[in-house]
Amino acid sequence: MFEPTSRYATVADARLTTRDADQRERVIVYKRRRFIPDAGAATTLVEHTVTQGERLDNLTARYLGDPTLFWQVCDANGALHPAELEELGRVVRIALPGL
């Protein structure tokens, strides 16, 4: 369901069994909650100061080789929204989890 590089790819599925209006059993599969890992546990590769016009997906492509991994940079910086890390002059920590 999710791409291998998605933040949800490793999150376990859960199932909820319920009944519809005709009393037929129905199983609903959903993703469990994803907990953001401790930012301090990741290994810092580089700290980058954002310049005019830089976007997080471009920074992620430059340092991690895949723009879709922007969420790892958000996790490493405790950011909920990528735009928080695109402010001019912001120092962005590029890190790899679990190293």
PDB file of N, CA and C in Angstrom:
ATOM      1  N   MET A   1       0.819  -1.181   0.000  1.00  0.00           N
ATOM      2  CA  MET A   1       0.000   0.000   0.000  1.00  0.00           C
ATOM      3  C   MET A   1       0.870   1.254   0.000  1.00  0.00           C
ATOM      4  N   PHE A   2       1.952   1.258   0.746  1.00  0.00           N
ATOM      5  CA  PHE A   2       2.844   2.412   0.801  1.00  0.00           C
ATOM      6  C   PHE A   2       4.155   2.084   0.089  1.00  0.00           C
ATOM      7  N   GLU A   3       4.769   3.090  -0.503  1.00  0.00           N
ATOM      8  CA  GLU A   3       6.073   2.933  -1.128  1.00  0.00           C
ATOM      9  C   GLU A   3       7.090   2.534  -0.055  1.00  0.00           C
ATOM     10  N   PRO A   4       8.125   1.788  -0.425  1.00  0.00           N
ATOM     11  CA  PRO A   4       9.130   1.364   0.569  1.00  0.00           C
ATOM     12  C   PRO A   4       9.815   2.524   1.287  1.00  0.00           C
ATOM     13  N   THR A   5       9.863   3.698   0.671  1.00  0.00           N
ATOM     14  CA  THR A   5      10.511   4.841   1.316  1.00  0.00           C
ATOM     15  C   THR A   5       9.532   5.685   2.137  1.00  0.00           C
ATOM     16  N   SER A   6       8.284   5.283   2.180  1.00  0.00           N
ATOM     17  CA  SER A   6       7.278   6.029   2.941  1.00  0.00           C
ATOM     18  C   SER A   6       7.530   5.902   4.440  1.00  0.00           C
ATOM     19  N   ARG A   7       7.185   6.950   5.179  1.00  0.00           N
ATOM     20  CA  ARG A   7       7.305   6.915   6.638  1.00  0.00           C
ATOM     21  C   ARG A   7       6.374   5.872   7.256  1.00  0.00           C
ATOM     22  N   TYR A   8       5.406   5.418   6.493  1.00  0.00           N
ATOM     23  CA  TYR A   8       4.442   4.452   7.017  1.00  0.00           C
ATOM     24  C   TYR A   8       4.738   3.014   6.576  1.00  0.00           C
ATOM     25  N   ALA A   9       5.756   2.814   5.759  1.00  0.00           N
ATOM     26  CA  ALA A   9       6.036   1.487   5.213  1.00  0.00           C
ATOM     27  C   ALA A   9       6.292   0.446   6.297  1.00  0.00           C
ATOM     28  N   THR A  10       6.927   0.814   7.374  1.00  0.00           N
ATOM     29  CA  THR A  10       7.264  -0.163   8.416  1.00  0.00           C
ATOM     30  C   THR A  10       6.275  -0.161   9.574  1.00  0.00           C
ATOM     31  N   VAL A  11       5.262   0.668   9.492  1.00  0.00           N
ATOM     32  CA  VAL A  11       4.256   0.708  10.555  1.00  0.00           C
ATOM     33  C   VAL A  11       3.320  -0.498  10.388  1.00  0.00           C
ATOM     34  N   ALA A  12       3.106  -1.186  11.463  1.00  0.00           N
ATOM     35  CA  ALA A  12       2.290  -2.402  11.418  1.00  0.00           C
ATOM     36  C   ALA A  12       0.827  -2.086  11.103  1.00  0.00           C
ATOM     37  N   ASP A  13       0.188  -3.069  10.467  1.00  0.00           N
ATOM     38  CA  ASP A  13      -1.254  -2.972  10.223  1.00  0.00           C
ATOM     39  C   ASP A  13      -1.998  -3.471  11.454  1.00  0.00           C
ATOM     40  N   ALA A  14      -3.203  -2.987  11.628  1.00  0.00           N
ATOM     41  CA  ALA A  14      -4.114  -3.485  12.654  1.00  0.00           C
ATOM     42  C   ALA A  14      -5.438  -3.801  11.963  1.00  0.00           C
ATOM     43  N   ARG A  15      -6.245  -4.624  12.604  1.00  0.00           N
ATOM     44  CA  ARG A  15      -7.537  -5.015  12.023  1.00  0.00           C
ATOM     45  C   ARG A  15      -8.639  -4.771  13.048  1.00  0.00           C
ATOM     46  N   LEU A  16      -9.736  -4.301  12.542  1.00  0.00           N
ATOM     47  CA  LEU A  16     -10.926  -4.103  13.350  1.00  0.00           C
ATOM     48  C   LEU A  16     -12.060  -4.869  12.684  1.00  0.00           C
ATOM     49  N   THR A  17     -12.644  -5.790  13.416  1.00  0.00           N
ATOM     50  CA  THR A  17     -13.774  -6.551  12.891  1.00  0.00           C
ATOM     51  C   THR A  17     -15.060  -5.943  13.421  1.00  0.00           C
ATOM     52  N   THR A  18     -15.970  -5.671  12.506  1.00  0.00           N
ATOM     53  CA  THR A  18     -17.234  -5.048  12.878  1.00  0.00           C
ATOM     54  C   THR A  18     -18.355  -5.672  12.035  1.00  0.00           C
ATOM     55  N   ARG A  19     -19.550  -5.238  12.221  1.00  0.00           N
ATOM     56  CA  ARG A  19     -20.688  -5.731  11.426  1.00  0.00           C
ATOM     57  C   ARG A  19     -21.356  -4.533  10.757  1.00  0.00           C
ATOM     58  N   ASP A  20     -21.809  -4.762   9.500  1.00  0.00           N
ATOM     59  CA  ASP A  20     -22.508  -3.690   8.812  1.00  0.00           C
ATOM     60  C   ASP A  20     -23.998  -3.731   9.173  1.00  0.00           C
ATOM     61  N   ALA A  21     -24.805  -2.916   8.511  1.00  0.00           N
ATOM     62  CA  ALA A  21     -26.232  -2.806   8.830  1.00  0.00           C
ATOM     63  C   ALA A  21     -26.979  -4.118   8.626  1.00  0.00           C
ATOM     64  N   ASP A  22     -26.471  -4.979   7.736  1.00  0.00           N
ATOM     65  CA  ASP A  22     -27.103  -6.287   7.490  1.00  0.00           C
ATOM     66  C   ASP A  22     -26.487  -7.383   8.346  1.00  0.00           C
ATOM     67  N   GLN A  23     -25.708  -6.985   9.321  1.00  0.00           N
ATOM     68  CA  GLN A  23     -25.054  -7.900  10.262  1.00  0.00           C
ATOM     69  C   GLN A  23     -23.994  -8.787   9.603  1.00  0.00           C
ATOM     70  N   ARG A  24     -23.490  -8.372   8.457  1.00  0.00           N
ATOM     71  CA  ARG A  24     -22.377  -9.092   7.835  1.00  0.00           C
ATOM     72  C   ARG A  24     -21.081  -8.600   8.450  1.00  0.00           C
ATOM     73  N   GLU A  25     -20.221  -9.560   8.699  1.00  0.00           N
ATOM     74  CA  GLU A  25     -18.936  -9.212   9.298  1.00  0.00           C
ATOM     75  C   GLU A  25     -18.079  -8.459   8.297  1.00  0.00           C
ATOM     76  N   ARG A  26     -17.410  -7.451   8.781  1.00  0.00           N
ATOM     77  CA  ARG A  26     -16.551  -6.631   7.932  1.00  0.00           C
ATOM     78  C   ARG A  26     -15.239  -6.390   8.679  1.00  0.00           C
ATOM     79  N   VAL A  27     -14.126  -6.607   7.986  1.00  0.00           N
ATOM     80  CA  VAL A  27     -12.811  -6.383   8.591  1.00  0.00           C
ATOM     81  C   VAL A  27     -12.216  -5.112   7.989  1.00  0.00           C
ATOM     82  N   ILE A  28     -11.861  -4.207   8.846  1.00  0.00           N
ATOM     83  CA  ILE A  28     -11.241  -2.945   8.429  1.00  0.00           C
ATOM     84  C   ILE A  28      -9.766  -3.016   8.801  1.00  0.00           C
ATOM     85  N   VAL A  29      -8.904  -2.872   7.798  1.00  0.00           N
ATOM     86  CA  VAL A  29      -7.455  -2.886   8.018  1.00  0.00           C
ATOM     87  C   VAL A  29      -6.971  -1.438   8.009  1.00  0.00           C
ATOM     88  N   TYR A  30      -6.170  -1.101   9.001  1.00  0.00           N
ATOM     89  CA  TYR A  30      -5.649   0.253   9.086  1.00  0.00           C
ATOM     90  C   TYR A  30      -4.228   0.229   9.647  1.00  0.00           C
ATOM     91  N   LYS A  31      -3.537   1.327   9.481  1.00  0.00           N
ATOM     92  CA  LYS A  31      -2.176   1.443  10.016  1.00  0.00           C
ATOM     93  C   LYS A  31      -2.233   1.877  11.468  1.00  0.00           C
ATOM     94  N   ARG A  32      -1.366   1.288  12.255  1.00  0.00           N
ATOM     95  CA  ARG A  32      -1.240   1.734  13.639  1.00  0.00           C
ATOM     96  C   ARG A  32      -0.585   3.112  13.647  1.00  0.00           C
ATOM     97  N   ARG A  33      -0.608   3.731  14.779  1.00  0.00           N
ATOM     98  CA  ARG A  33      -0.015   5.053  14.914  1.00  0.00           C
ATOM     99  C   ARG A  33       1.502   4.985  14.753  1.00  0.00           C
ATOM    100  N   ARG A  34       2.027   5.958  14.049  1.00  0.00           N
ATOM    101  CA  ARG A  34       3.480   6.052  13.898  1.00  0.00           C
ATOM    102  C   ARG A  34       4.013   7.019  14.942  1.00  0.00           C
ATOM    103  N   PHE A  35       4.948   6.557  15.746  1.00  0.00           N
ATOM    104  CA  PHE A  35       5.583   7.412  16.741  1.00  0.00           C
ATOM    105  C   PHE A  35       6.871   7.968  16.149  1.00  0.00           C
ATOM    106  N   ILE A  36       7.066   9.248  16.322  1.00  0.00           N
ATOM    107  CA  ILE A  36       8.277   9.884  15.797  1.00  0.00           C
ATOM    108  C   ILE A  36       9.447   9.472  16.671  1.00  0.00           C
ATOM    109  N   PRO A  37      10.519   8.955  16.041  1.00  0.00           N
ATOM    110  CA  PRO A  37      11.668   8.518  16.842  1.00  0.00           C
ATOM    111  C   PRO A  37      12.367   9.692  17.516  1.00  0.00           C
ATOM    112  N   ASP A  38      13.099   9.382  18.562  1.00  0.00           N
ATOM    113  CA  ASP A  38      13.869  10.393  19.286  1.00  0.00           C
ATOM    114  C   ASP A  38      14.898  11.012  18.343  1.00  0.00           C
ATOM    115  N   ALA A  39      14.801  12.319  18.139  1.00  0.00           N
ATOM    116  CA  ALA A  39      15.705  13.013  17.216  1.00  0.00           C
ATOM    117  C   ALA A  39      17.158  12.886  17.650  1.00  0.00           C
ATOM    118  N   GLY A  40      17.404  12.788  18.947  1.00  0.00           N
ATOM    119  CA  GLY A  40      18.764  12.689  19.447  1.00  0.00           C
ATOM    120  C   GLY A  40      19.418  11.347  19.169  1.00  0.00           C
ATOM    121  N   ALA A  41      18.621  10.349  18.811  1.00  0.00           N
ATOM    122  CA  ALA A  41      19.159   9.019  18.556  1.00  0.00           C
ATOM    123  C   ALA A  41      19.732   8.876  17.152  1.00  0.00           C
ATOM    124  N   ALA A  42      19.447   9.826  16.279  1.00  0.00           N
ATOM    125  CA  ALA A  42      19.936   9.746  14.900  1.00  0.00           C
ATOM    126  C   ALA A  42      21.358  10.287  14.801  1.00  0.00           C
ATOM    127  N   THR A  43      22.086   9.797  13.817  1.00  0.00           N
ATOM    128  CA  THR A  43      23.451  10.248  13.570  1.00  0.00           C
ATOM    129  C   THR A  43      23.443  11.420  12.595  1.00  0.00           C
ATOM    130  N   THR A  44      24.027  12.530  13.009  1.00  0.00           N
ATOM    131  CA  THR A  44      24.066  13.712  12.145  1.00  0.00           C
ATOM    132  C   THR A  44      25.116  13.529  11.055  1.00  0.00           C
ATOM    133  N   LEU A  45      24.668  13.723   9.811  1.00  0.00           N
ATOM    134  CA  LEU A  45      25.588  13.673   8.678  1.00  0.00           C
ATOM    135  C   LEU A  45      26.177  15.057   8.422  1.00  0.00           C
ATOM    136  N   VAL A  46      25.298  16.070   8.470  1.00  0.00           N
ATOM    137  CA  VAL A  46      25.708  17.444   8.186  1.00  0.00           C
ATOM    138  C   VAL A  46      24.644  18.386   8.724  1.00  0.00           C
ATOM    139  N   GLU A  47      25.052  19.604   9.016  1.00  0.00           N
ATOM    140  CA  GLU A  47      24.094  20.656   9.321  1.00  0.00           C
ATOM    141  C   GLU A  47      24.155  21.644   8.168  1.00  0.00           C
ATOM    142  N   HIS A  48      22.993  21.974   7.634  1.00  0.00           N
ATOM    143  CA  HIS A  48      22.902  22.822   6.448  1.00  0.00           C
ATOM    144  C   HIS A  48      22.141  24.093   6.800  1.00  0.00           C
ATOM    145  N   THR A  49      22.669  25.239   6.419  1.00  0.00           N
ATOM    146  CA  THR A  49      21.970  26.513   6.595  1.00  0.00           C
ATOM    147  C   THR A  49      21.192  26.818   5.327  1.00  0.00           C
ATOM    148  N   VAL A  50      19.894  27.004   5.470  1.00  0.00           N
ATOM    149  CA  VAL A  50      19.006  27.212   4.324  1.00  0.00           C
ATOM    150  C   VAL A  50      19.249  28.579   3.705  1.00  0.00           C
ATOM    151  N   THR A  51      19.401  28.590   2.382  1.00  0.00           N
ATOM    152  CA  THR A  51      19.560  29.835   1.630  1.00  0.00           C
ATOM    153  C   THR A  51      18.285  30.093   0.825  1.00  0.00           C
ATOM    154  N   GLN A  52      18.215  31.268   0.218  1.00  0.00           N
ATOM    155  CA  GLN A  52      17.034  31.698  -0.524  1.00  0.00           C
ATOM    156  C   GLN A  52      16.615  30.661  -1.564  1.00  0.00           C
ATOM    157  N   GLY A  53      15.362  30.271  -1.516  1.00  0.00           N
ATOM    158  CA  GLY A  53      14.784  29.388  -2.535  1.00  0.00           C
ATOM    159  C   GLY A  53      14.991  27.909  -2.323  1.00  0.00           C
ATOM    160  N   GLU A  54      15.725  27.514  -1.313  1.00  0.00           N
ATOM    161  CA  GLU A  54      15.953  26.082  -1.098  1.00  0.00           C
ATOM    162  C   GLU A  54      14.699  25.434  -0.526  1.00  0.00           C
ATOM    163  N   ARG A  55      14.431  24.236  -1.012  1.00  0.00           N
ATOM    164  CA  ARG A  55      13.284  23.460  -0.534  1.00  0.00           C
ATOM    165  C   ARG A  55      13.797  22.190   0.127  1.00  0.00           C
ATOM    166  N   LEU A  56      12.984  21.687   1.036  1.00  0.00           N
ATOM    167  CA  LEU A  56      13.400  20.504   1.792  1.00  0.00           C
ATOM    168  C   LEU A  56      13.584  19.276   0.895  1.00  0.00           C
ATOM    169  N   ASP A  57      12.745  19.127  -0.103  1.00  0.00           N
ATOM    170  CA  ASP A  57      12.908  17.965  -0.980  1.00  0.00           C
ATOM    171  C   ASP A  57      14.229  18.033  -1.741  1.00  0.00           C
ATOM    172  N   ASN A  58      14.650  19.249  -2.114  1.00  0.00           N
ATOM    173  CA  ASN A  58      15.933  19.388  -2.809  1.00  0.00           C
ATOM    174  C   ASN A  58      17.106  19.094  -1.878  1.00  0.00           C
ATOM    175  N   LEU A  59      17.003  19.569  -0.630  1.00  0.00           N
ATOM    176  CA  LEU A  59      18.066  19.277   0.346  1.00  0.00           C
ATOM    177  C   LEU A  59      18.153  17.778   0.608  1.00  0.00           C
ATOM    178  N   THR A  60      17.002  17.147   0.721  1.00  0.00           N
ATOM    179  CA  THR A  60      16.983  15.709   0.977  1.00  0.00           C
ATOM    180  C   THR A  60      17.584  14.932  -0.190  1.00  0.00           C
ATOM    181  N   ALA A  61      17.271  15.356  -1.389  1.00  0.00           N
ATOM    182  CA  ALA A  61      17.856  14.698  -2.572  1.00  0.00           C
ATOM    183  C   ALA A  61      19.372  14.862  -2.576  1.00  0.00           C
ATOM    184  N   ARG A  62      19.833  16.057  -2.208  1.00  0.00           N
ATOM    185  CA  ARG A  62      21.273  16.323  -2.218  1.00  0.00           C
ATOM    186  C   ARG A  62      22.015  15.460  -1.193  1.00  0.00           C
ATOM    187  N   TYR A  63      21.483  15.385   0.005  1.00  0.00           N
ATOM    188  CA  TYR A  63      22.234  14.715   1.079  1.00  0.00           C
ATOM    189  C   TYR A  63      21.866  13.241   1.273  1.00  0.00           C
ATOM    190  N   LEU A  64      20.619  12.875   0.999  1.00  0.00           N
ATOM    191  CA  LEU A  64      20.197  11.482   1.224  1.00  0.00           C
ATOM    192  C   LEU A  64      19.942  10.736  -0.078  1.00  0.00           C
ATOM    193  N   GLY A  65      19.967  11.474  -1.207  1.00  0.00           N
ATOM    194  CA  GLY A  65      19.823  10.813  -2.501  1.00  0.00           C
ATOM    195  C   GLY A  65      18.397  10.504  -2.912  1.00  0.00           C
ATOM    196  N   ASP A  66      17.407  10.935  -2.139  1.00  0.00           N
ATOM    197  CA  ASP A  66      16.009  10.642  -2.468  1.00  0.00           C
ATOM    198  C   ASP A  66      15.129  11.740  -1.871  1.00  0.00           C
ATOM    199  N   PRO A  67      14.480  12.534  -2.731  1.00  0.00           N
ATOM    200  CA  PRO A  67      13.666  13.632  -2.201  1.00  0.00           C
ATOM    201  C   PRO A  67      12.461  13.167  -1.393  1.00  0.00           C
ATOM    202  N   THR A  68      12.034  11.940  -1.588  1.00  0.00           N
ATOM    203  CA  THR A  68      10.856  11.458  -0.843  1.00  0.00           C
ATOM    204  C   THR A  68      11.188  11.118   0.609  1.00  0.00           C
ATOM    205  N   LEU A  69      12.462  11.193   0.979  1.00  0.00           N
ATOM    206  CA  LEU A  69      12.865  10.934   2.368  1.00  0.00           C
ATOM    207  C   LEU A  69      12.857  12.212   3.211  1.00  0.00           C
ATOM    208  N   PHE A  70      12.203  13.257   2.713  1.00  0.00           N
ATOM    209  CA  PHE A  70      12.145  14.529   3.452  1.00  0.00           C
ATOM    210  C   PHE A  70      11.615  14.336   4.866  1.00  0.00           C
ATOM    211  N   TRP A  71      10.761  13.356   5.060  1.00  0.00           N
ATOM    212  CA  TRP A  71      10.181  13.116   6.382  1.00  0.00           C
ATOM    213  C   TRP A  71      11.242  12.698   7.395  1.00  0.00           C
ATOM    214  N   GLN A  72      12.335  12.056   6.949  1.00  0.00           N
ATOM    215  CA  GLN A  72      13.425  11.707   7.870  1.00  0.00           C
ATOM    216  C   GLN A  72      14.103  12.972   8.386  1.00  0.00           C
ATOM    217  N   VAL A  73      14.219  13.975   7.515  1.00  0.00           N
ATOM    218  CA  VAL A  73      14.810  15.246   7.930  1.00  0.00           C
ATOM    219  C   VAL A  73      13.868  15.954   8.910  1.00  0.00           C
ATOM    220  N   CYS A  74      12.566  15.878   8.638  1.00  0.00           N
ATOM    221  CA  CYS A  74      11.587  16.453   9.578  1.00  0.00           C
ATOM    222  C   CYS A  74      11.712  15.772  10.940  1.00  0.00           C
ATOM    223  N   ASP A  75      11.791  14.456  10.950  1.00  0.00           N
ATOM    224  CA  ASP A  75      11.926  13.724  12.213  1.00  0.00           C
ATOM    225  C   ASP A  75      13.183  14.147  12.960  1.00  0.00           C
ATOM    226  N   ALA A  76      14.289  14.282  12.248  1.00  0.00           N
ATOM    227  CA  ALA A  76      15.570  14.615  12.878  1.00  0.00           C
ATOM    228  C   ALA A  76      15.588  16.027  13.457  1.00  0.00           C
ATOM    229  N   ASN A  77      14.667  16.872  12.967  1.00  0.00           N
ATOM    230  CA  ASN A  77      14.618  18.256  13.424  1.00  0.00           C
ATOM    231  C   ASN A  77      13.380  18.566  14.261  1.00  0.00           C
ATOM    232  N   GLY A  78      12.598  17.547  14.553  1.00  0.00           N
ATOM    233  CA  GLY A  78      11.401  17.750  15.356  1.00  0.00           C
ATOM    234  C   GLY A  78      10.370  18.632  14.674  1.00  0.00           C
ATOM    235  N   ALA A  79      10.345  18.617  13.361  1.00  0.00           N
ATOM    236  CA  ALA A  79       9.409  19.459  12.600  1.00  0.00           C
ATOM    237  C   ALA A  79       8.188  18.648  12.173  1.00  0.00           C
ATOM    238  N   LEU A  80       7.026  19.236  12.360  1.00  0.00           N
ATOM    239  CA  LEU A  80       5.803  18.574  11.915  1.00  0.00           C
ATOM    240  C   LEU A  80       5.495  18.900  10.455  1.00  0.00           C
ATOM    241  N   HIS A  81       5.896  20.075  10.008  1.00  0.00           N
ATOM    242  CA  HIS A  81       5.616  20.514   8.642  1.00  0.00           C
ATOM    243  C   HIS A  81       6.940  20.844   7.944  1.00  0.00           C
ATOM    244  N   PRO A  82       7.146  20.332   6.724  1.00  0.00           N
ATOM    245  CA  PRO A  82       8.391  20.610   6.000  1.00  0.00           C
ATOM    246  C   PRO A  82       8.701  22.095   5.854  1.00  0.00           C
ATOM    247  N   ALA A  83       7.662  22.918   5.730  1.00  0.00           N
ATOM    248  CA  ALA A  83       7.894  24.355   5.541  1.00  0.00           C
ATOM    249  C   ALA A  83       8.653  24.978   6.716  1.00  0.00           C
ATOM    250  N   GLU A  84       8.548  24.371   7.897  1.00  0.00           N
ATOM    251  CA  GLU A  84       9.275  24.886   9.061  1.00  0.00           C
ATOM    252  C   GLU A  84      10.783  24.875   8.826  1.00  0.00           C
ATOM    253  N   LEU A  85      11.227  23.946   7.993  1.00  0.00           N
ATOM    254  CA  LEU A  85      12.668  23.773   7.764  1.00  0.00           C
ATOM    255  C   LEU A  85      13.170  24.527   6.533  1.00  0.00           C
ATOM    256  N   GLU A  86      12.284  25.268   5.879  1.00  0.00           N
ATOM    257  CA  GLU A  86      12.652  25.986   4.664  1.00  0.00           C
ATOM    258  C   GLU A  86      12.815  27.483   4.900  1.00  0.00           C
ATOM    259  N   GLU A  87      12.815  27.888   6.159  1.00  0.00           N
ATOM    260  CA  GLU A  87      12.970  29.307   6.463  1.00  0.00           C
ATOM    261  C   GLU A  87      14.412  29.737   6.213  1.00  0.00           C
ATOM    262  N   LEU A  88      14.573  30.888   5.582  1.00  0.00           N
ATOM    263  CA  LEU A  88      15.884  31.438   5.267  1.00  0.00           C
ATOM    264  C   LEU A  88      16.742  31.542   6.531  1.00  0.00           C
ATOM    265  N   GLY A  89      17.935  30.986   6.483  1.00  0.00           N
ATOM    266  CA  GLY A  89      18.861  31.041   7.607  1.00  0.00           C
ATOM    267  C   GLY A  89      18.701  29.916   8.624  1.00  0.00           C
ATOM    268  N   ARG A  90      17.691  29.110   8.454  1.00  0.00           N
ATOM    269  CA  ARG A  90      17.449  27.995   9.384  1.00  0.00           C
ATOM    270  C   ARG A  90      18.558  26.955   9.215  1.00  0.00           C
ATOM    271  N   VAL A  91      19.066  26.472  10.326  1.00  0.00           N
ATOM    272  CA  VAL A  91      20.049  25.386  10.287  1.00  0.00           C
ATOM    273  C   VAL A  91      19.270  24.073  10.377  1.00  0.00           C
ATOM    274  N   VAL A  92      19.423  23.259   9.343  1.00  0.00           N
ATOM    275  CA  VAL A  92      18.706  21.992   9.251  1.00  0.00           C
ATOM    276  C   VAL A  92      19.687  20.855   9.484  1.00  0.00           C
ATOM    277  N   ARG A  93      19.330  20.012  10.389  1.00  0.00           N
ATOM    278  CA  ARG A  93      20.160  18.841  10.699  1.00  0.00           C
ATOM    279  C   ARG A  93      19.774  17.711   9.750  1.00  0.00           C
ATOM    280  N   ILE A  94      20.729  17.229   8.978  1.00  0.00           N
ATOM    281  CA  ILE A  94      20.514  16.079   8.106  1.00  0.00           C
ATOM    282  C   ILE A  94      21.076  14.882   8.846  1.00  0.00           C
ATOM    283  N   ALA A  95      20.219  13.925   9.144  1.00  0.00           N
ATOM    284  CA  ALA A  95      20.641  12.796   9.975  1.00  0.00           C
ATOM    285  C   ALA A  95      20.050  11.498   9.453  1.00  0.00           C
ATOM    286  N   LEU A  96      20.669  10.417   9.842  1.00  0.00           N
ATOM    287  CA  LEU A  96      20.156   9.090   9.518  1.00  0.00           C
ATOM    288  C   LEU A  96      19.737   8.416  10.812  1.00  0.00           C
ATOM    289  N   PRO A  97      18.536   7.901  10.847  1.00  0.00           N
ATOM    290  CA  PRO A  97      18.075   7.227  12.062  1.00  0.00           C
ATOM    291  C   PRO A  97      18.774   5.890  12.251  1.00  0.00           C
ATOM    292  N   GLY A  98      19.018   5.560  13.485  1.00  0.00           N
ATOM    293  CA  GLY A  98      19.522   4.237  13.811  1.00  0.00           C
ATOM    294  C   GLY A  98      20.955   3.955  13.449  1.00  0.00           C
ATOM    295  N   LEU A  99      21.758   4.962  13.164  1.00  0.00           N
ATOM    296  CA  LEU A  99      23.183   4.717  12.889  1.00  0.00           C
ATOM    297  C   LEU A  99      24.015   5.117  14.071  1.00  0.00           C
TER     298      LEU A  99
END
